[in-house]
Each structure stands twice: as C-alpha cells, then as structure tokens.
Protein backbone atom coordinates (compact mmCIF):
# COMPACT_ATOMS: atom_id res chain seq x y z
CA MET A 1 0.24 23.22 6.82
CA THR A 2 0.94 22.58 3.14
CA THR A 3 -1.41 20.62 0.92
CA ALA A 4 -1.26 19.61 -2.70
CA THR A 5 -4.26 18.13 -4.49
CA VAL A 6 -3.67 17.68 -8.20
CA PRO A 7 -6.47 15.97 -10.13
CA ASN A 8 -5.45 14.84 -13.59
CA VAL A 9 -7.54 13.22 -16.31
CA ALA A 10 -5.15 12.19 -19.07
CA GLY A 11 -6.07 11.74 -22.68
CA ALA A 12 -5.87 8.48 -24.56
CA ILE A 13 -2.45 6.82 -24.39
CA GLU A 14 -0.83 4.15 -26.51
CA THR A 15 1.15 2.31 -23.82
CA ILE A 16 1.73 2.49 -20.09
CA GLU A 17 5.42 3.27 -20.48
CA SER A 18 5.44 6.95 -19.49
CA HIS A 19 6.64 9.36 -16.84
CA LEU A 20 4.13 7.70 -14.51
CA HIS A 21 5.03 4.15 -15.57
CA PRO A 22 8.71 3.41 -16.22
CA GLU A 23 9.40 0.19 -18.08
CA PRO A 24 9.37 -2.77 -15.64
CA SER A 25 12.68 -4.61 -15.53
CA TYR A 26 14.81 -6.79 -13.28
CA ASP A 27 17.86 -4.98 -14.64
CA VAL A 28 18.83 -2.46 -11.96
CA ASP A 29 20.58 -0.33 -14.59
CA LYS A 30 17.14 0.29 -16.12
CA HIS A 31 16.24 2.05 -12.88
CA PRO A 32 18.92 4.73 -12.38
CA MET A 33 19.62 6.27 -9.00
CA PRO A 34 16.90 8.89 -8.46
CA THR A 35 17.69 12.55 -7.99
CA GLY A 36 14.27 13.57 -6.71
CA ARG A 37 13.40 15.41 -9.92
CA GLU A 38 11.82 12.37 -11.60
CA GLU A 39 8.03 12.22 -11.59
CA ILE A 40 7.91 8.96 -9.62
CA TRP A 41 10.43 10.21 -7.04
CA ARG A 42 9.65 13.90 -6.62
CA PHE A 43 7.68 13.37 -3.38
CA SER A 44 10.08 10.83 -1.84
CA PRO A 45 12.76 11.40 0.86
CA ILE A 46 15.70 10.17 -1.22
CA ARG A 47 18.31 10.64 1.51
CA THR A 48 16.34 8.60 3.99
CA LEU A 49 15.67 5.84 1.47
CA LYS A 50 19.28 5.72 0.23
CA PRO A 51 20.15 2.36 1.89
CA LEU A 52 17.36 0.73 -0.13
CA LEU A 53 18.65 2.24 -3.39
CA GLN A 54 22.20 0.89 -3.30
CA GLN A 55 23.50 -2.32 -4.83
CA GLY A 56 25.59 -4.74 -2.79
CA GLU A 57 25.88 -8.27 -1.50
CA ALA A 58 22.94 -10.60 -0.96
CA LEU A 59 20.87 -9.90 2.14
CA GLY A 60 18.86 -12.07 4.47
CA GLY A 61 15.22 -11.54 5.34
CA LEU A 62 13.01 -10.83 8.33
CA ASP A 63 12.45 -13.30 11.14
CA TRP A 64 9.02 -14.71 10.26
CA SER A 65 6.62 -16.46 12.60
CA GLY A 66 3.14 -17.85 12.11
CA GLU A 67 1.10 -20.99 11.71
CA PHE A 68 0.42 -22.82 8.48
CA PRO A 69 -3.16 -24.14 8.28
CA ASP A 70 -3.81 -27.46 6.60
CA GLY A 71 -3.95 -27.04 2.85
CA VAL A 72 -1.45 -24.17 2.71
CA GLU A 73 1.93 -24.76 1.11
CA TRP A 74 4.87 -22.64 2.33
CA LYS A 75 8.44 -23.11 1.15
CA THR A 76 11.64 -21.36 0.20
CA ILE A 77 12.52 -21.03 -3.47
CA THR A 78 15.40 -19.46 -5.35
CA ALA A 79 15.34 -15.92 -6.67
CA ALA A 80 15.35 -17.32 -10.22
CA GLU A 81 12.29 -19.46 -9.48
CA ALA A 82 10.53 -16.45 -8.00
CA ARG A 83 11.07 -14.51 -11.22
CA GLU A 84 9.45 -17.30 -13.22
CA VAL A 85 6.19 -17.13 -11.25
CA ALA A 86 6.16 -13.37 -10.59
CA ILE A 87 3.39 -11.26 -12.09
CA GLU A 88 5.68 -8.56 -13.42
CA PRO A 89 9.26 -7.25 -13.09
CA PRO A 90 10.17 -4.41 -10.71
CA VAL A 91 8.91 -0.95 -11.62
CA ASP A 92 11.35 1.15 -9.58
CA ARG A 93 14.87 0.97 -8.21
CA ILE A 94 13.91 -0.10 -4.69
CA SER A 95 11.99 -3.18 -5.85
CA ALA A 96 14.70 -4.01 -8.42
CA ILE A 97 17.36 -3.84 -5.70
CA ALA A 98 15.15 -5.99 -3.44
CA ALA A 99 14.88 -8.66 -6.15
CA GLU A 100 18.61 -8.53 -6.85
CA ARG A 101 19.76 -8.65 -3.20
CA SER A 102 17.27 -11.22 -1.87
CA ALA A 103 19.25 -14.28 -0.84
CA GLN A 104 16.11 -16.39 -1.22
CA ALA A 105 12.38 -16.08 -1.86
CA HIS A 106 9.27 -17.20 0.02
CA TYR A 107 6.49 -19.04 -1.79
CA LEU A 108 2.94 -19.55 -0.48
CA ARG A 109 0.22 -21.51 -2.27
CA VAL A 110 -3.43 -22.18 -1.51
CA PRO A 111 -4.67 -24.92 -3.89
CA ALA A 112 -7.80 -24.68 -6.00
CA ASP A 113 -11.17 -25.03 -4.21
CA VAL A 114 -9.56 -24.90 -0.75
CA GLU A 115 -11.30 -22.66 1.78
CA ILE A 116 -9.31 -21.50 4.81
CA ASP A 117 -11.72 -20.31 7.50
CA GLU A 118 -9.19 -18.83 9.92
CA PRO A 119 -6.91 -15.96 8.83
CA ILE A 120 -3.38 -16.91 7.82
CA VAL A 121 -1.27 -14.56 9.95
CA PHE A 122 2.48 -14.12 9.49
CA ILE A 123 4.59 -11.68 11.51
CA GLY A 124 7.90 -10.47 10.12
CA ARG A 125 10.27 -8.94 12.69
CA GLY A 126 13.42 -6.96 12.03
CA ASP A 127 16.43 -6.80 14.37
CA GLY A 128 17.83 -3.49 13.10
CA ALA A 129 19.72 -4.90 10.12
CA GLN A 130 19.21 -4.23 6.43
CA VAL A 131 17.18 -6.97 4.78
CA ALA A 132 15.68 -7.73 1.36
CA GLU A 133 12.99 -10.22 0.42
CA THR A 134 10.98 -11.61 -2.47
CA PHE A 135 7.58 -13.12 -1.75
CA VAL A 136 5.23 -14.91 -4.17
CA ALA A 137 1.75 -16.18 -3.28
CA GLU A 138 -0.63 -18.10 -5.53
CA PHE A 139 -4.29 -18.67 -4.70
CA GLY A 140 -5.91 -21.36 -6.82
CA PRO A 141 -9.23 -21.06 -8.66
CA HIS A 142 -12.25 -20.83 -6.32
CA SER A 143 -10.09 -20.79 -3.21
CA LYS A 144 -11.04 -18.63 -0.24
CA ALA A 145 -8.60 -17.20 2.30
CA THR A 146 -7.46 -14.20 4.31
CA LEU A 147 -3.72 -13.53 4.49
CA VAL A 148 -2.33 -11.07 7.06
CA LEU A 149 1.28 -9.84 6.88
CA ARG A 150 2.39 -7.82 9.89
CA PHE A 151 5.75 -6.03 10.08
CA GLU A 152 7.36 -5.24 13.44
CA GLY A 153 10.71 -4.35 14.97
CA SER A 154 13.43 -2.28 13.34
CA ALA A 155 14.80 -2.77 9.82
CA LYS A 156 15.90 -1.25 6.57
CA TYR A 157 13.55 -3.37 4.51
CA SER A 158 13.11 -3.65 0.76
CA ALA A 159 10.79 -6.21 -0.80
CA LYS A 160 8.95 -7.34 -3.90
CA TYR A 161 5.62 -9.12 -3.39
CA ASP A 162 3.49 -10.87 -6.03
CA PHE A 163 -0.04 -12.19 -5.39
CA ARG A 164 -1.67 -14.22 -8.15
CA ILE A 165 -5.41 -14.78 -7.58
CA GLY A 166 -7.10 -17.58 -9.51
CA ALA A 167 -10.47 -17.49 -11.26
CA GLY A 168 -13.46 -17.25 -8.94
CA ALA A 169 -11.31 -16.99 -5.80
CA GLN A 170 -12.28 -14.82 -2.81
CA ILE A 171 -9.14 -13.44 -1.19
CA ASN A 172 -8.43 -10.81 1.47
CA LEU A 173 -4.88 -9.43 1.75
CA VAL A 174 -4.01 -7.38 4.85
CA TYR A 175 -0.70 -5.57 5.39
CA VAL A 176 0.11 -3.90 8.72
CA ASN A 177 3.26 -1.75 8.89
CA ASP A 178 3.87 -1.39 12.63
CA TRP A 179 7.59 -0.66 12.48
CA ALA A 180 9.77 0.96 15.14
CA GLY A 181 10.37 4.66 14.61
CA ASP A 182 13.81 4.26 12.96
CA SER A 183 12.73 1.77 10.27
CA ILE A 184 12.54 2.37 6.53
CA HIS A 185 10.42 0.20 4.25
CA GLY A 186 10.17 0.30 0.48
CA GLY A 187 9.02 -2.02 -2.24
CA GLN A 188 6.41 -3.20 -4.70
CA ILE A 189 3.20 -5.20 -4.29
CA SER A 190 1.67 -6.62 -7.49
CA VAL A 191 -1.76 -8.29 -7.54
CA GLU A 192 -3.29 -10.18 -10.46
CA VAL A 193 -7.07 -10.64 -10.22
CA GLY A 194 -8.42 -13.72 -11.98
CA ARG A 195 -11.64 -14.07 -13.94
CA ASP A 196 -14.66 -13.39 -11.69
CA ALA A 197 -12.39 -13.30 -8.61
CA GLN A 198 -13.13 -11.02 -5.66
CA VAL A 199 -10.08 -9.46 -4.02
CA ARG A 200 -9.87 -7.05 -1.12
CA THR A 201 -6.66 -5.49 0.17
CA VAL A 202 -6.26 -3.42 3.36
CA HIS A 203 -2.97 -1.62 3.98
CA ALA A 204 -2.21 0.10 7.31
CA SER A 205 0.96 2.20 7.78
CA MET A 206 1.30 3.41 11.35
CA GLY A 207 5.02 3.20 12.16
CA GLY A 208 8.49 3.61 10.73
CA ARG A 209 10.66 6.56 9.72
CA ALA A 210 9.86 6.28 6.01
CA ILE A 211 7.54 4.01 4.04
CA ARG A 212 7.27 3.98 0.23
CA ILE A 213 5.09 1.27 -1.32
CA ALA A 214 4.12 0.86 -4.98
CA GLU A 215 0.83 -1.08 -5.06
CA ARG A 216 -0.11 -2.36 -8.50
CA ALA A 217 -3.05 -4.42 -9.75
CA ARG A 218 -4.22 -5.90 -13.04
CA TYR A 219 -6.72 -8.49 -14.25
CA ASN A 220 -6.41 -11.93 -15.82
CA GLY A 221 -9.90 -12.22 -17.24
CA PRO A 222 -13.25 -10.38 -17.25
CA GLY A 223 -15.49 -10.08 -14.22
CA GLY A 224 -12.78 -9.54 -11.61
CA GLN A 225 -13.56 -7.23 -8.68
CA LEU A 226 -10.92 -5.41 -6.64
CA GLU A 227 -11.31 -3.34 -3.48
CA GLN A 228 -8.26 -1.57 -2.02
CA PHE A 229 -8.46 0.19 1.32
CA GLY A 230 -5.77 1.87 3.35
CA ILE A 231 -5.04 3.97 6.42
CA TYR A 232 -1.88 5.81 7.44
CA PHE A 233 -0.86 8.08 10.30
CA ALA A 234 2.21 10.30 9.82
CA ASP A 235 3.91 11.83 12.85
CA ALA A 236 6.59 14.51 13.12
CA GLY A 237 9.44 13.88 10.69
CA GLN A 238 7.79 10.76 9.24
CA ASP A 239 7.26 10.09 5.51
CA ILE A 240 4.55 7.69 4.32
CA GLU A 241 3.99 7.20 0.59
CA HIS A 242 1.53 4.87 -1.13
CA ARG A 243 1.58 4.77 -4.92
CA MET A 244 -1.49 3.02 -6.37
CA PHE A 245 -1.91 1.75 -9.94
CA VAL A 246 -4.92 -0.21 -11.20
CA ASP A 247 -4.62 -1.47 -14.77
CA HIS A 248 -8.08 -2.25 -16.20
CA ASN A 249 -6.83 -4.48 -19.01
CA GLU A 250 -9.93 -6.72 -19.20
CA PRO A 251 -13.62 -5.93 -19.86
CA ASN A 252 -16.37 -5.87 -17.23
CA THR A 253 -13.99 -5.50 -14.30
CA LYS A 254 -14.42 -3.34 -11.22
CA SER A 255 -12.15 -1.50 -8.80
CA ASN A 256 -12.68 0.70 -5.76
CA VAL A 257 -9.79 2.42 -3.95
CA ASP A 258 -10.27 4.29 -0.65
CA TYR A 259 -7.22 5.49 1.36
CA ARG A 260 -7.40 7.75 4.40
CA GLY A 261 -4.58 9.40 6.33
CA ALA A 262 -3.97 11.65 9.30
CA LEU A 263 -0.94 13.84 9.98
CA GLN A 264 0.39 15.52 13.09
CA GLY A 265 3.66 17.15 14.10
CA LYS A 266 6.26 19.27 12.32
CA GLY A 267 7.61 17.59 9.19
CA ALA A 268 4.91 14.92 9.00
CA HIS A 269 4.55 14.10 5.30
CA SER A 270 2.15 11.80 3.47
CA VAL A 271 1.96 11.01 -0.23
CA TRP A 272 -0.84 9.22 -2.03
CA ILE A 273 -0.61 8.71 -5.79
CA GLY A 274 -3.65 7.05 -7.34
CA ASP A 275 -3.66 6.04 -10.99
CA VAL A 276 -6.24 4.05 -12.94
CA LEU A 277 -5.59 3.03 -16.54
CA ILE A 278 -8.62 2.01 -18.61
CA ARG A 279 -7.40 0.28 -21.77
CA LYS A 280 -9.17 0.19 -25.11
CA GLN A 281 -10.33 -3.38 -24.59
CA ALA A 282 -11.63 -2.70 -21.06
CA LEU A 283 -15.26 -2.24 -22.06
CA GLY A 284 -17.94 -1.93 -19.39
CA ILE A 285 -15.55 -1.43 -16.48
CA GLU A 286 -16.38 0.50 -13.32
CA THR A 287 -13.82 2.25 -11.15
CA TYR A 288 -13.55 4.86 -8.40
CA GLU A 289 -10.61 6.05 -6.29
CA SER A 290 -10.66 8.27 -3.23
CA ASN A 291 -8.09 9.74 -0.85
CA LYS A 292 -8.89 11.78 2.27
CA ASN A 293 -6.35 13.43 4.58
CA LEU A 294 -7.00 14.88 8.03
CA VAL A 295 -4.41 17.42 9.23
CA LEU A 296 -4.21 17.57 13.03
CA SER A 297 -1.51 20.20 13.57
CA GLU A 298 0.68 22.81 11.88
CA GLY A 299 3.80 21.91 9.93
CA CYS A 300 2.38 18.91 8.03
CA GLN A 301 2.35 18.29 4.30
CA ALA A 302 -0.11 16.03 2.47
CA ASP A 303 0.38 15.38 -1.25
CA SER A 304 -2.54 13.73 -3.01
CA VAL A 305 -2.52 13.08 -6.77
CA PRO A 306 -5.42 11.11 -8.33
CA ASN A 307 -5.12 10.21 -12.01
CA LEU A 308 -7.37 8.64 -14.65
CA GLU A 309 -5.95 7.44 -17.95
CA ILE A 310 -8.84 6.57 -20.27
CA GLU A 311 -8.54 4.89 -23.67
CA THR A 312 -12.20 4.06 -24.26
CA GLY A 313 -15.54 5.74 -23.63
CA GLU A 314 -17.42 2.43 -23.40
CA ILE A 315 -17.35 2.21 -19.60
CA ALA A 316 -19.94 1.89 -16.84
CA GLY A 317 -18.34 4.58 -14.71
CA ALA A 318 -15.06 6.16 -13.63
CA GLY A 319 -14.28 8.82 -11.07
CA HIS A 320 -11.97 10.02 -8.35
CA ALA A 321 -11.92 12.31 -5.33
CA SER A 322 -9.29 13.83 -3.08
CA SER A 323 -9.55 16.04 -0.01
CA THR A 324 -7.18 17.45 2.61
CA GLY A 325 -8.31 19.53 5.55
CA ARG A 326 -8.57 20.11 9.26
CA PHE A 327 -11.28 19.02 11.67
CA ASP A 328 -14.81 19.81 10.62
CA ASP A 329 -15.82 22.77 12.81
CA ASN A 330 -19.45 21.73 12.67
CA GLN A 331 -18.62 18.26 13.98
CA LEU A 332 -16.52 19.72 16.79
CA PHE A 333 -19.27 22.19 17.72
CA TYR A 334 -21.92 19.47 17.71
CA LEU A 335 -19.94 17.21 20.06
CA MET A 336 -18.76 20.00 22.38
CA SER A 337 -22.29 21.43 22.63
CA ARG A 338 -23.28 18.13 24.21
CA GLY A 339 -20.75 18.40 26.99
CA ILE A 340 -17.90 16.47 25.36
CA SER A 341 -14.47 18.07 25.84
CA GLU A 342 -12.59 19.38 22.81
CA GLU A 343 -9.85 16.74 23.22
CA GLU A 344 -12.35 13.90 23.40
CA SER A 345 -14.31 15.35 20.47
CA ARG A 346 -11.18 15.36 18.33
CA ARG A 347 -10.45 11.79 19.34
CA LEU A 348 -13.94 10.66 18.36
CA ILE A 349 -13.71 12.40 14.99
CA VAL A 350 -10.38 10.73 14.17
CA HIS A 351 -11.75 7.32 15.17
CA GLY A 352 -14.79 7.84 12.97
CA PHE A 353 -12.53 8.93 10.11
CA PHE A 354 -10.56 5.67 10.24
CA ASN A 355 -13.17 3.22 11.51
CA ASP A 356 -14.92 2.78 8.16
CA ILE A 357 -11.66 1.37 6.76
CA ILE A 358 -10.54 -0.60 9.82
CA ARG A 359 -13.83 -2.53 10.01
CA ARG A 360 -13.16 -3.88 6.52
CA VAL A 361 -10.10 -5.83 7.70
CA GLY A 362 -12.34 -8.69 8.76
CA VAL A 363 -9.86 -9.99 11.37
CA GLU A 364 -11.04 -9.03 14.85
CA HIS A 365 -7.70 -8.95 16.66
CA ILE A 366 -6.09 -6.95 13.83
CA GLU A 367 -8.96 -4.45 13.87
CA ARG A 368 -8.57 -4.09 17.63
CA LYS A 369 -4.80 -3.63 17.26
CA LEU A 370 -5.26 -0.91 14.65
CA LEU A 371 -7.69 0.97 16.87
CA GLU A 372 -5.12 0.77 19.68
CA GLN A 373 -2.47 2.14 17.33
CA VAL A 374 -4.72 5.09 16.45
CA GLU A 375 -5.06 5.79 20.18
CA ARG A 376 -1.27 5.71 20.60
CA GLU A 377 -0.80 8.10 17.70
CA LEU A 378 -3.29 10.55 19.18
CA ALA A 379 -1.45 10.40 22.51
CA LEU A 380 1.83 11.60 20.98
CA VAL A 381 2.92 15.11 21.82
CA HIS A 382 2.99 17.16 18.64
CA GLY A 383 6.42 17.92 17.28
CA THR A 384 8.39 15.71 19.69
CA THR A 385 8.88 12.59 17.57
CA ARG A 386 11.40 11.94 14.81
CA THR A 387 13.26 14.53 12.78
CA ALA A 388 12.61 15.32 9.14
CA ASP A 389 15.22 14.35 6.55
CA HIS A 390 13.94 15.20 3.11
CA ALA A 391 15.96 15.12 -0.08
C-alpha cells in the first residue's frame, strides 16, 4: 500500500493562473501534450489516456436515451453556439480536444420558476468507439430539478459539460460512471451557482479502466450554496482521478465537498485533488473539503491533495481534511465479537463508509443501483481484474 496525503495552505495569490490553474482556452495549442511531469498531470496515467489527448477528425457522441418531462427543452446546437453559452473555456488538453472534436453539442434548458418533481434521467451508452461531446445545461431563476447522467457500455469518451444555475434555483446534479472495464473517460465539468441558489452534485465512479474528471465551480452572485459529494471504487489496474476546484469569487457564499473512495487489488490507483480559492472580494464565505480513502488490500495507491488558497481573512470559516487507511480494527473487533464473520464485518464497514454519500443522491433507484455496485465491487477477487498501465 502506498498513500500520499499532502495538505497545502497557500499564501495570498494575485490570479488563478498558476501551476494548479493553467489558463483556460479553446486553443488546443495552449494545452500542450502532457509528459506526466506537469503538476496537473503528475498523477495521471498518460499512456492510458493517450486517445483522449490526440487531435483528429470530428467524432460522434454516445447513444443517449431518456424521457423529457414537460417544461424541459432539449436540442442539438453547434459547437460554436455551445462556446457562446459555456461558463468557461477548457482548462486541460482532454477537455480542449473534446470541444474541438465534438461534431455537435447537446443543450438542455429548464425555464425560470419551473419545478420538475421527477428526476430527469439520461443514459449515455458507448459501443466501444471513441466519442467526444459538449453538453450545456441552463436552469432558470427559481427553477427546481434533479438531473441524472448515467454512463454505460464501452467507450473512449472525452467531454466538456457546463451547468449554469440561475438565481434562487434548487438543483441536484448526479453523475454515475458505470463503464465497462475497458473504457476511458476524461473531461471537464463546470458549474456556475447563481445568487442565493442551492446546488448539490453527487459523482459516483465505479467502472472503467481510467477516469479523469476536472470538476470546477464558481458563483454568479452572493448567497449561493454548493454541496459536492462523491464516491469511487478502484479495482486492480484501475485509475480514478477527480480534480475539484471551487472558486469563491462572491461574498457570503458556501461550499462543502466530501469525497470517499475505496481501493482493492494490485495497481488500484485513486487521485483526489481538492482546491478552494477564496478571493479578496469573497467576504464572509464558509467552506470545507474532505476526502477519505479506505484501502482494502495490498498493492493500492491513494493520492489525496487538499489545497486552500486564501486572499482574505474576512471569512466565516475554511478548512479541509484528508485520510487514507485500512479497516478500523476497533470496528472489526466490535462486529466480530457479536458473532458476525470477518467477511461480513468488512462488508458492513464498507457499506457504512459509502452510505452517508449514497443517501444524498435523492433518487431511490439510483441509490439502490449504487449499493448494488458496491456489493459487486466487494465480490471481486483481489488482483484478478484489469492490468495497470501507468505513464
């Protein structure tokens, strides 16, 4: 087992263009091919991700299915139109390539004051091909909705997603990566939280050969509240990387980030990068970020790097936490002393570890599916799935 926990509280900074934050741009040349030595790429399996890093002809997208409730607009727009309504340009080469190679873009809109009671569920399925997509969603002021995006099948998938949340809206965004074992998935998710809006995101990564997602958030007015939760389960030879960035650019805003992962099998590798920037004008903000990793077998590596970049002392609170370890011996002893087998005790501990996040999804059949996925992961024989392929 190898672990790396690297807390970092940076001093005041002038801009966000730094080793942690390359300049956003749609120009692919602004995002050179990574070598693995760059700060934003040093944990990533470059060789495995190589198909998503190469320029080429335009690509199609996933095969999407789902129902469109009344009041929801869904249409196809051009890549140029998507750029006009996007929150920000790409911040790395994968998302820039995705924007460049997307043959078309998807656009979803929930108008102002519209409340959608039932979850909006879309399933994107890959057929083994390489695909690239751009997706833009706008939720009008005081709207209320839950959007679930579920990824299945096999694909080499790169994407850029933008979610613009209007003032006073209450929006839940759920992403479920349930890819086949040979899939690779990379891209960027940008969320803009409107004035006094309440936004919750839940991201579950349970499948695929390699996943690398840059999740970014910022505010478009004071009073916005953001909660970001995530779970991931890395098996032998699998790489899962979530890179979080919350930009507190408005006063009296809040954020809470809680990601939890489990690893088992030789070569299982997880990466969580958490970064919160508190700008000079972000007075009275409150933020906390946490990452916990549970190592279930030998040969795993969990990298966890929380960061705080603070430009003002006039804040309500800011903190972070990171932990990586094995089963709690006291918990195991307690359960086994009551006649529960060691295998069942470990299963119960893992379920308890994840359940606090899963119950926040708020969509019953998705919660049930995630619990089933955790069961499947626990049933895998250690060291018999996938082969590692690190840069």
